[in-house]
Amino acid sequence: ALRKAFAHIPNLELRDRTVPETDIWSHMDQDSLEGMYFRILHEAM
C-alpha cells in the first residue's frame, strides 16, 4: 500500500524491519535489570 501511495517514485524498494508494538514489554517478566526497568515503566504508565 505504501508503494502505491508513492507511485511517483517507481524505483522505490521498501524493507520492513519494524517490530510489533507489544514486543516492547516482552521482557518485562524477566528476573533481570532489563525486566525490572520495563516493569517500573509499565507500572508508572
All heavy atoms as atom14 arrays in JSON, in Angstrom:
{
  "sequence": "ALRKAFAHIPNLELRDRTVPETDIWSHMDQDSLEGMYFRILHEAM",
  "atom14_mask": [
    [1, 1, 1, 1, 1, 0, 0, 0, 0, 0, 0, 0, 0, 0],
    [1, 1, 1, 1, 1, 1, 1, 1, 0, 0, 0, 0, 0, 0],
    [1, 1, 1, 1, 1, 1, 1, 1, 1, 1, 1, 0, 0, 0],
    [1, 1, 1, 1, 1, 1, 1, 1, 1, 0, 0, 0, 0, 0],
    [1, 1, 1, 1, 1, 0, 0, 0, 0, 0, 0, 0, 0, 0],
    [1, 1, 1, 1, 1, 1, 1, 1, 1, 1, 1, 0, 0, 0],
    [1, 1, 1, 1, 1, 0, 0, 0, 0, 0, 0, 0, 0, 0],
    [1, 1, 1, 1, 1, 1, 1, 1, 1, 1, 0, 0, 0, 0],
    [1, 1, 1, 1, 1, 1, 1, 1, 0, 0, 0, 0, 0, 0],
    [1, 1, 1, 1, 1, 1, 1, 0, 0, 0, 0, 0, 0, 0],
    [1, 1, 1, 1, 1, 1, 1, 1, 0, 0, 0, 0, 0, 0],
    [1, 1, 1, 1, 1, 1, 1, 1, 0, 0, 0, 0, 0, 0],
    [1, 1, 1, 1, 1, 1, 1, 1, 1, 0, 0, 0, 0, 0],
    [1, 1, 1, 1, 1, 1, 1, 1, 0, 0, 0, 0, 0, 0],
    [1, 1, 1, 1, 1, 1, 1, 1, 1, 1, 1, 0, 0, 0],
    [1, 1, 1, 1, 1, 1, 1, 1, 0, 0, 0, 0, 0, 0],
    [1, 1, 1, 1, 1, 1, 1, 1, 1, 1, 1, 0, 0, 0],
    [1, 1, 1, 1, 1, 1, 1, 0, 0, 0, 0, 0, 0, 0],
    [1, 1, 1, 1, 1, 1, 1, 0, 0, 0, 0, 0, 0, 0],
    [1, 1, 1, 1, 1, 1, 1, 0, 0, 0, 0, 0, 0, 0],
    [1, 1, 1, 1, 1, 1, 1, 1, 1, 0, 0, 0, 0, 0],
    [1, 1, 1, 1, 1, 1, 1, 0, 0, 0, 0, 0, 0, 0],
    [1, 1, 1, 1, 1, 1, 1, 1, 0, 0, 0, 0, 0, 0],
    [1, 1, 1, 1, 1, 1, 1, 1, 0, 0, 0, 0, 0, 0],
    [1, 1, 1, 1, 1, 1, 1, 1, 1, 1, 1, 1, 1, 1],
    [1, 1, 1, 1, 1, 1, 0, 0, 0, 0, 0, 0, 0, 0],
    [1, 1, 1, 1, 1, 1, 1, 1, 1, 1, 0, 0, 0, 0],
    [1, 1, 1, 1, 1, 1, 1, 1, 0, 0, 0, 0, 0, 0],
    [1, 1, 1, 1, 1, 1, 1, 1, 0, 0, 0, 0, 0, 0],
    [1, 1, 1, 1, 1, 1, 1, 1, 1, 0, 0, 0, 0, 0],
    [1, 1, 1, 1, 1, 1, 1, 1, 0, 0, 0, 0, 0, 0],
    [1, 1, 1, 1, 1, 1, 0, 0, 0, 0, 0, 0, 0, 0],
    [1, 1, 1, 1, 1, 1, 1, 1, 0, 0, 0, 0, 0, 0],
    [1, 1, 1, 1, 1, 1, 1, 1, 1, 0, 0, 0, 0, 0],
    [1, 1, 1, 1, 0, 0, 0, 0, 0, 0, 0, 0, 0, 0],
    [1, 1, 1, 1, 1, 1, 1, 1, 0, 0, 0, 0, 0, 0],
    [1, 1, 1, 1, 1, 1, 1, 1, 1, 1, 1, 1, 0, 0],
    [1, 1, 1, 1, 1, 1, 1, 1, 1, 1, 1, 0, 0, 0],
    [1, 1, 1, 1, 1, 1, 1, 1, 1, 1, 1, 0, 0, 0],
    [1, 1, 1, 1, 1, 1, 1, 1, 0, 0, 0, 0, 0, 0],
    [1, 1, 1, 1, 1, 1, 1, 1, 0, 0, 0, 0, 0, 0],
    [1, 1, 1, 1, 1, 1, 1, 1, 1, 1, 0, 0, 0, 0],
    [1, 1, 1, 1, 1, 1, 1, 1, 1, 0, 0, 0, 0, 0],
    [1, 1, 1, 1, 1, 0, 0, 0, 0, 0, 0, 0, 0, 0],
    [1, 1, 1, 1, 1, 1, 1, 1, 0, 0, 0, 0, 0, 0]
  ],
  "atom14_positions": [
    [[0.83, -1.21, 0.0], [0.0, 0.0, 0.0], [0.86, 1.26, 0.0], [0.53, 2.26, -0.66], [-0.92, -0.01, 1.22], [0.0, 0.0, 0.0], [0.0, 0.0, 0.0], [0.0, 0.0, 0.0], [0.0, 0.0, 0.0], [0.0, 0.0, 0.0], [0.0, 0.0, 0.0], [0.0, 0.0, 0.0], [0.0, 0.0, 0.0], [0.0, 0.0, 0.0]],
    [[1.96, 1.21, 0.73], [2.86, 2.36, 0.75], [3.46, 2.61, -0.63], [3.59, 3.76, -1.06], [3.97, 2.14, 1.78], [3.61, 2.36, 3.25], [4.79, 2.0, 4.14], [3.17, 3.8, 3.5], [0.0, 0.0, 0.0], [0.0, 0.0, 0.0], [0.0, 0.0, 0.0], [0.0, 0.0, 0.0], [0.0, 0.0, 0.0], [0.0, 0.0, 0.0]],
    [[3.84, 1.55, -1.32], [4.41, 1.73, -2.66], [3.39, 2.37, -3.59], [3.74, 3.2, -4.44], [4.92, 0.4, -3.2], [6.33, 0.04, -2.71], [6.91, -1.12, -3.51], [6.27, -2.37, -3.12], [6.73, -3.18, -2.17], [7.82, -2.85, -1.51], [6.11, -4.3, -1.88], [0.0, 0.0, 0.0], [0.0, 0.0, 0.0], [0.0, 0.0, 0.0]],
    [[2.13, 1.96, -3.47], [1.07, 2.56, -4.31], [0.9, 4.03, -3.96], [0.66, 4.87, -4.84], [-0.23, 1.81, -4.12], [-0.26, 0.43, -4.76], [-1.62, -0.23, -4.57], [-1.65, -1.61, -5.22], [-2.97, -2.29, -5.03], [0.0, 0.0, 0.0], [0.0, 0.0, 0.0], [0.0, 0.0, 0.0], [0.0, 0.0, 0.0], [0.0, 0.0, 0.0]],
    [[1.0, 4.35, -2.67], [0.84, 5.74, -2.24], [1.96, 6.64, -2.78], [1.78, 7.85, -2.91], [0.79, 5.81, -0.72], [0.0, 0.0, 0.0], [0.0, 0.0, 0.0], [0.0, 0.0, 0.0], [0.0, 0.0, 0.0], [0.0, 0.0, 0.0], [0.0, 0.0, 0.0], [0.0, 0.0, 0.0], [0.0, 0.0, 0.0], [0.0, 0.0, 0.0]],
    [[3.11, 6.03, -3.06], [4.26, 6.8, -3.57], [4.62, 6.33, -4.97], [5.78, 6.13, -5.31], [5.44, 6.65, -2.61], [5.2, 7.27, -1.27], [4.68, 6.51, -0.22], [5.43, 8.61, -1.05], [4.43, 7.08, 1.02], [5.19, 9.2, 0.19], [4.68, 8.43, 1.22], [0.0, 0.0, 0.0], [0.0, 0.0, 0.0], [0.0, 0.0, 0.0]],
    [[3.6, 6.17, -5.8], [3.78, 5.67, -7.17], [4.59, 6.63, -8.03], [5.1, 6.24, -9.09], [2.42, 5.41, -7.81], [0.0, 0.0, 0.0], [0.0, 0.0, 0.0], [0.0, 0.0, 0.0], [0.0, 0.0, 0.0], [0.0, 0.0, 0.0], [0.0, 0.0, 0.0], [0.0, 0.0, 0.0], [0.0, 0.0, 0.0], [0.0, 0.0, 0.0]],
    [[4.71, 7.9, -7.59], [5.51, 8.85, -8.37], [7.01, 8.57, -8.23], [7.83, 9.21, -8.89], [5.21, 10.28, -7.92], [5.59, 10.59, -6.51], [4.91, 10.1, -5.42], [6.6, 11.35, -5.99], [5.47, 10.53, -4.31], [6.5, 11.3, -4.62], [0.0, 0.0, 0.0], [0.0, 0.0, 0.0], [0.0, 0.0, 0.0], [0.0, 0.0, 0.0]],
    [[7.35, 7.6, -7.37], [8.75, 7.15, -7.25], [8.75, 5.67, -7.63], [8.68, 4.79, -6.76], [9.28, 7.36, -5.82], [9.09, 8.81, -5.4], [10.76, 6.98, -5.73], [9.49, 9.1, -3.98], [0.0, 0.0, 0.0], [0.0, 0.0, 0.0], [0.0, 0.0, 0.0], [0.0, 0.0, 0.0], [0.0, 0.0, 0.0], [0.0, 0.0, 0.0]],
    [[8.81, 5.36, -8.92], [8.68, 3.96, -9.36], [9.81, 3.07, -8.88], [9.62, 1.85, -8.74], [8.66, 4.07, -10.89], [9.32, 5.39, -11.19], [8.98, 6.29, -10.06], [0.0, 0.0, 0.0], [0.0, 0.0, 0.0], [0.0, 0.0, 0.0], [0.0, 0.0, 0.0], [0.0, 0.0, 0.0], [0.0, 0.0, 0.0], [0.0, 0.0, 0.0]],
    [[10.97, 3.64, -8.64], [12.12, 2.85, -8.19], [12.26, 2.93, -6.67], [13.29, 3.34, -6.14], [13.4, 3.32, -8.88], [13.34, 3.13, -10.38], [13.0, 2.05, -10.86], [13.66, 4.16, -11.13], [0.0, 0.0, 0.0], [0.0, 0.0, 0.0], [0.0, 0.0, 0.0], [0.0, 0.0, 0.0], [0.0, 0.0, 0.0], [0.0, 0.0, 0.0]],
    [[11.21, 2.52, -5.99], [11.18, 2.56, -4.52], [11.12, 1.14, -3.98], [10.2, 0.39, -4.29], [9.98, 3.36, -4.03], [9.71, 3.36, -2.52], [10.89, 3.95, -1.75], [8.42, 4.1, -2.2], [0.0, 0.0, 0.0], [0.0, 0.0, 0.0], [0.0, 0.0, 0.0], [0.0, 0.0, 0.0], [0.0, 0.0, 0.0], [0.0, 0.0, 0.0]],
    [[12.12, 0.79, -3.2], [12.17, -0.52, -2.54], [12.02, -0.31, -1.04], [12.76, 0.47, -0.43], [13.5, -1.21, -2.85], [13.7, -2.54, -2.13], [15.09, -3.13, -2.35], [15.79, -2.67, -3.28], [15.47, -4.02, -1.58], [0.0, 0.0, 0.0], [0.0, 0.0, 0.0], [0.0, 0.0, 0.0], [0.0, 0.0, 0.0], [0.0, 0.0, 0.0]],
    [[11.04, -0.99, -0.45], [10.79, -0.87, 0.99], [11.11, -2.2, 1.67], [10.67, -3.26, 1.23], [9.33, -0.5, 1.25], [8.86, 0.85, 0.7], [7.37, 1.04, 0.96], [9.66, 2.0, 1.3], [0.0, 0.0, 0.0], [0.0, 0.0, 0.0], [0.0, 0.0, 0.0], [0.0, 0.0, 0.0], [0.0, 0.0, 0.0], [0.0, 0.0, 0.0]],
    [[11.88, -2.11, 2.75], [12.21, -3.3, 3.53], [11.66, -3.12, 4.93], [12.05, -2.19, 5.65], [13.73, -3.52, 3.57], [14.34, -3.67, 2.18], [15.77, -4.18, 2.24], [16.66, -3.27, 2.93], [17.97, -3.48, 3.1], [18.52, -4.59, 2.63], [18.72, -2.6, 3.74], [0.0, 0.0, 0.0], [0.0, 0.0, 0.0], [0.0, 0.0, 0.0]],
    [[10.75, -3.99, 5.31], [10.09, -3.88, 6.61], [10.89, -4.58, 7.69], [11.01, -5.8, 7.71], [8.69, -4.5, 6.52], [7.9, -4.32, 7.83], [8.39, -3.6, 8.72], [6.8, -4.89, 7.93], [0.0, 0.0, 0.0], [0.0, 0.0, 0.0], [0.0, 0.0, 0.0], [0.0, 0.0, 0.0], [0.0, 0.0, 0.0], [0.0, 0.0, 0.0]],
    [[11.46, -3.78, 8.58], [12.21, -4.31, 9.72], [11.58, -3.82, 11.03], [12.24, -3.74, 12.05], [13.68, -3.88, 9.65], [14.43, -4.35, 8.41], [14.63, -5.86, 8.39], [15.48, -6.26, 7.28], [15.03, -6.57, 6.07], [13.73, -6.52, 5.82], [15.87, -6.94, 5.12], [0.0, 0.0, 0.0], [0.0, 0.0, 0.0], [0.0, 0.0, 0.0]],
    [[10.3, -3.46, 10.95], [9.61, -2.99, 12.16], [9.3, -4.17, 13.08], [9.31, -5.33, 12.67], [8.31, -2.27, 11.79], [7.44, -3.17, 11.09], [8.58, -1.05, 10.93], [0.0, 0.0, 0.0], [0.0, 0.0, 0.0], [0.0, 0.0, 0.0], [0.0, 0.0, 0.0], [0.0, 0.0, 0.0], [0.0, 0.0, 0.0], [0.0, 0.0, 0.0]],
    [[9.01, -3.84, 14.33], [8.69, -4.83, 15.35], [7.32, -4.49, 15.94], [7.03, -3.32, 16.18], [9.76, -4.83, 16.47], [9.41, -5.82, 17.56], [11.13, -5.15, 15.87], [0.0, 0.0, 0.0], [0.0, 0.0, 0.0], [0.0, 0.0, 0.0], [0.0, 0.0, 0.0], [0.0, 0.0, 0.0], [0.0, 0.0, 0.0], [0.0, 0.0, 0.0]],
    [[6.46, -5.49, 16.17], [5.15, -5.2, 16.76], [5.28, -4.46, 18.08], [6.17, -4.73, 18.88], [4.53, -6.59, 16.96], [5.22, -7.45, 15.94], [6.61, -6.91, 15.84], [0.0, 0.0, 0.0], [0.0, 0.0, 0.0], [0.0, 0.0, 0.0], [0.0, 0.0, 0.0], [0.0, 0.0, 0.0], [0.0, 0.0, 0.0], [0.0, 0.0, 0.0]],
    [[4.36, -3.53, 18.31], [4.39, -2.69, 19.5], [4.4, -3.51, 20.78], [5.05, -3.15, 21.76], [3.17, -1.75, 19.5], [3.17, -0.7, 20.58], [4.05, 0.49, 20.26], [4.31, 0.74, 19.07], [4.48, 1.17, 21.2], [0.0, 0.0, 0.0], [0.0, 0.0, 0.0], [0.0, 0.0, 0.0], [0.0, 0.0, 0.0], [0.0, 0.0, 0.0]],
    [[3.68, -4.62, 20.82], [3.58, -5.42, 22.05], [4.93, -5.96, 22.48], [5.14, -6.28, 23.66], [2.62, -6.61, 21.84], [3.03, -7.37, 20.7], [1.19, -6.11, 21.62], [0.0, 0.0, 0.0], [0.0, 0.0, 0.0], [0.0, 0.0, 0.0], [0.0, 0.0, 0.0], [0.0, 0.0, 0.0], [0.0, 0.0, 0.0], [0.0, 0.0, 0.0]],
    [[5.88, -6.07, 21.57], [7.2, -6.61, 21.91], [7.99, -5.67, 22.81], [9.01, -6.06, 23.37], [8.01, -6.9, 20.64], [7.54, -8.17, 19.95], [6.59, -8.78, 20.48], [8.1, -8.54, 18.92], [0.0, 0.0, 0.0], [0.0, 0.0, 0.0], [0.0, 0.0, 0.0], [0.0, 0.0, 0.0], [0.0, 0.0, 0.0], [0.0, 0.0, 0.0]],
    [[7.54, -4.44, 22.96], [8.24, -3.51, 23.85], [8.3, -4.08, 25.27], [9.31, -3.98, 25.96], [7.53, -2.14, 23.88], [7.66, -1.43, 22.54], [8.1, -1.25, 24.99], [6.92, -0.12, 22.49], [0.0, 0.0, 0.0], [0.0, 0.0, 0.0], [0.0, 0.0, 0.0], [0.0, 0.0, 0.0], [0.0, 0.0, 0.0], [0.0, 0.0, 0.0]],
    [[7.22, -4.7, 25.68], [7.11, -5.18, 27.06], [7.39, -6.68, 27.19], [7.13, -7.29, 28.22], [5.7, -4.89, 27.6], [5.28, -3.48, 27.36], [4.39, -3.03, 26.44], [5.75, -2.32, 28.05], [4.26, -1.66, 26.5], [5.09, -1.2, 27.49], [6.66, -2.12, 29.1], [5.3, 0.1, 27.93], [6.87, -0.82, 29.53], [6.2, 0.27, 28.96]],
    [[7.96, -7.29, 26.13], [8.1, -8.74, 26.11], [9.05, -9.29, 27.17], [8.94, -10.44, 27.56], [8.56, -9.2, 24.71], [9.82, -8.61, 24.41], [0.0, 0.0, 0.0], [0.0, 0.0, 0.0], [0.0, 0.0, 0.0], [0.0, 0.0, 0.0], [0.0, 0.0, 0.0], [0.0, 0.0, 0.0], [0.0, 0.0, 0.0], [0.0, 0.0, 0.0]],
    [[10.0, -8.46, 27.64], [10.97, -8.93, 28.63], [10.63, -8.44, 30.05], [11.44, -8.56, 30.97], [12.38, -8.46, 28.26], [12.89, -9.06, 26.98], [12.4, -8.7, 25.75], [13.85, -9.99, 26.75], [13.03, -9.37, 24.81], [13.9, -10.17, 25.38], [0.0, 0.0, 0.0], [0.0, 0.0, 0.0], [0.0, 0.0, 0.0], [0.0, 0.0, 0.0]],
    [[9.4, -7.91, 30.22], [9.04, -7.27, 31.48], [9.04, -8.26, 32.65], [9.32, -7.88, 33.8], [7.65, -6.64, 31.32], [7.21, -5.79, 32.5], [5.68, -4.92, 32.13], [4.54, -6.3, 31.89], [0.0, 0.0, 0.0], [0.0, 0.0, 0.0], [0.0, 0.0, 0.0], [0.0, 0.0, 0.0], [0.0, 0.0, 0.0], [0.0, 0.0, 0.0]],
    [[8.73, -9.53, 32.39], [8.62, -10.52, 33.47], [9.94, -11.22, 33.78], [9.98, -12.1, 34.64], [7.56, -11.56, 33.11], [6.17, -10.95, 33.01], [5.92, -9.96, 33.74], [5.36, -11.45, 32.21], [0.0, 0.0, 0.0], [0.0, 0.0, 0.0], [0.0, 0.0, 0.0], [0.0, 0.0, 0.0], [0.0, 0.0, 0.0], [0.0, 0.0, 0.0]],
    [[11.0, -10.85, 33.08], [12.29, -11.49, 33.33], [12.89, -11.02, 34.65], [12.71, -9.86, 35.05], [13.26, -11.2, 32.18], [12.93, -11.89, 30.88], [13.98, -11.64, 29.82], [14.95, -10.91, 30.04], [13.8, -12.26, 28.67], [0.0, 0.0, 0.0], [0.0, 0.0, 0.0], [0.0, 0.0, 0.0], [0.0, 0.0, 0.0], [0.0, 0.0, 0.0]],
    [[13.6, -11.93, 35.3], [14.29, -11.58, 36.55], [15.66, -11.02, 36.21], [16.69, -11.69, 36.32], [14.4, -12.83, 37.44], [15.0, -12.5, 38.81], [15.03, -11.3, 39.16], [15.44, -13.44, 39.5], [0.0, 0.0, 0.0], [0.0, 0.0, 0.0], [0.0, 0.0, 0.0], [0.0, 0.0, 0.0], [0.0, 0.0, 0.0], [0.0, 0.0, 0.0]],
    [[15.68, -9.79, 35.75], [16.93, -9.13, 35.31], [16.76, -7.64, 35.45], [15.65, -7.13, 35.69], [17.22, -9.49, 33.85], [16.2, -8.98, 33.0], [0.0, 0.0, 0.0], [0.0, 0.0, 0.0], [0.0, 0.0, 0.0], [0.0, 0.0, 0.0], [0.0, 0.0, 0.0], [0.0, 0.0, 0.0], [0.0, 0.0, 0.0], [0.0, 0.0, 0.0]],
    [[17.86, -6.9, 35.3], [17.78, -5.44, 35.34], [16.89, -4.92, 34.22], [16.14, -3.95, 34.42], [19.19, -4.84, 35.21], [20.09, -4.95, 36.45], [21.49, -4.43, 36.11], [19.5, -4.16, 37.62], [0.0, 0.0, 0.0], [0.0, 0.0, 0.0], [0.0, 0.0, 0.0], [0.0, 0.0, 0.0], [0.0, 0.0, 0.0], [0.0, 0.0, 0.0]],
    [[16.98, -5.58, 33.05], [16.14, -5.16, 31.93], [14.66, -5.35, 32.27], [13.83, -4.47, 32.04], [16.5, -5.98, 30.68], [15.7, -5.62, 29.45], [16.1, -6.44, 28.24], [17.29, -6.85, 28.16], [15.22, -6.7, 27.39], [0.0, 0.0, 0.0], [0.0, 0.0, 0.0], [0.0, 0.0, 0.0], [0.0, 0.0, 0.0], [0.0, 0.0, 0.0]],
    [[14.34, -6.53, 32.84], [12.96, -6.79, 33.22], [12.47, -5.8, 34.27], [11.34, -5.3, 34.2], [0.0, 0.0, 0.0], [0.0, 0.0, 0.0], [0.0, 0.0, 0.0], [0.0, 0.0, 0.0], [0.0, 0.0, 0.0], [0.0, 0.0, 0.0], [0.0, 0.0, 0.0], [0.0, 0.0, 0.0], [0.0, 0.0, 0.0], [0.0, 0.0, 0.0]],
    [[13.31, -5.51, 35.27], [12.94, -4.57, 36.32], [12.68, -3.18, 35.74], [11.72, -2.5, 36.13], [14.05, -4.5, 37.38], [13.74, -3.58, 38.55], [15.13, -3.44, 39.69], [15.29, -5.16, 40.22], [0.0, 0.0, 0.0], [0.0, 0.0, 0.0], [0.0, 0.0, 0.0], [0.0, 0.0, 0.0], [0.0, 0.0, 0.0], [0.0, 0.0, 0.0]],
    [[13.54, -2.77, 34.81], [13.41, -1.45, 34.2], [12.07, -1.31, 33.5], [11.32, -0.33, 33.7], [14.56, -1.24, 33.2], [14.44, -0.01, 32.35], [14.71, 1.26, 32.86], [14.06, -0.1, 31.01], [14.6, 2.39, 32.06], [13.94, 1.02, 30.21], [14.22, 2.26, 30.74], [14.1, 3.39, 29.96], [0.0, 0.0, 0.0], [0.0, 0.0, 0.0]],
    [[11.7, -2.31, 32.69], [10.44, -2.22, 31.96], [9.23, -2.39, 32.89], [8.16, -1.81, 32.63], [10.41, -3.25, 30.82], [11.2, -2.82, 29.62], [12.49, -3.26, 29.41], [10.65, -1.92, 28.72], [13.22, -2.85, 28.32], [11.37, -1.49, 27.61], [12.67, -1.95, 27.41], [0.0, 0.0, 0.0], [0.0, 0.0, 0.0], [0.0, 0.0, 0.0]],
    [[9.37, -3.15, 33.98], [8.27, -3.25, 34.95], [7.98, -1.9, 35.6], [6.84, -1.5, 35.78], [8.61, -4.29, 36.03], [8.39, -5.73, 35.58], [8.35, -6.68, 36.77], [9.56, -6.68, 37.58], [10.64, -7.41, 37.29], [10.64, -8.18, 36.21], [11.7, -7.37, 38.07], [0.0, 0.0, 0.0], [0.0, 0.0, 0.0], [0.0, 0.0, 0.0]],
    [[9.07, -1.18, 35.94], [8.91, 0.14, 36.56], [8.19, 1.1, 35.61], [7.27, 1.83, 36.0], [10.28, 0.71, 36.99], [10.87, -0.12, 38.13], [10.16, 2.18, 37.38], [12.29, 0.23, 38.48], [0.0, 0.0, 0.0], [0.0, 0.0, 0.0], [0.0, 0.0, 0.0], [0.0, 0.0, 0.0], [0.0, 0.0, 0.0], [0.0, 0.0, 0.0]],
    [[8.61, 1.06, 34.31], [7.96, 1.93, 33.33], [6.49, 1.56, 33.17], [5.61, 2.44, 33.09], [8.68, 1.83, 31.98], [10.06, 2.49, 31.87], [10.62, 2.26, 30.48], [9.98, 3.99, 32.16], [0.0, 0.0, 0.0], [0.0, 0.0, 0.0], [0.0, 0.0, 0.0], [0.0, 0.0, 0.0], [0.0, 0.0, 0.0], [0.0, 0.0, 0.0]],
    [[6.22, 0.25, 33.09], [4.85, -0.2, 32.86], [3.95, 0.17, 34.05], [2.8, 0.6, 33.87], [4.84, -1.7, 32.61], [3.59, -2.18, 31.94], [2.47, -2.56, 32.66], [3.26, -2.33, 30.63], [1.53, -2.93, 31.81], [1.98, -2.8, 30.57], [0.0, 0.0, 0.0], [0.0, 0.0, 0.0], [0.0, 0.0, 0.0], [0.0, 0.0, 0.0]],
    [[4.46, -0.01, 35.27], [3.69, 0.35, 36.46], [3.41, 1.84, 36.51], [2.31, 2.28, 36.88], [4.44, -0.1, 37.71], [4.48, -1.61, 37.9], [5.41, -2.03, 39.03], [5.97, -1.13, 39.7], [5.59, -3.24, 39.22], [0.0, 0.0, 0.0], [0.0, 0.0, 0.0], [0.0, 0.0, 0.0], [0.0, 0.0, 0.0], [0.0, 0.0, 0.0]],
    [[4.41, 2.64, 36.13], [4.22, 4.08, 36.1], [3.15, 4.47, 35.1], [2.35, 5.39, 35.33], [5.54, 4.78, 35.78], [0.0, 0.0, 0.0], [0.0, 0.0, 0.0], [0.0, 0.0, 0.0], [0.0, 0.0, 0.0], [0.0, 0.0, 0.0], [0.0, 0.0, 0.0], [0.0, 0.0, 0.0], [0.0, 0.0, 0.0], [0.0, 0.0, 0.0]],
    [[3.13, 3.79, 33.95], [2.13, 4.08, 32.93], [0.73, 3.68, 33.4], [-0.26, 4.38, 33.13], [2.49, 3.32, 31.64], [1.68, 3.74, 30.43], [2.33, 3.03, 28.9], [2.07, 1.29, 29.22], [0.0, 0.0, 0.0], [0.0, 0.0, 0.0], [0.0, 0.0, 0.0], [0.0, 0.0, 0.0], [0.0, 0.0, 0.0], [0.0, 0.0, 0.0]]
  ]
}
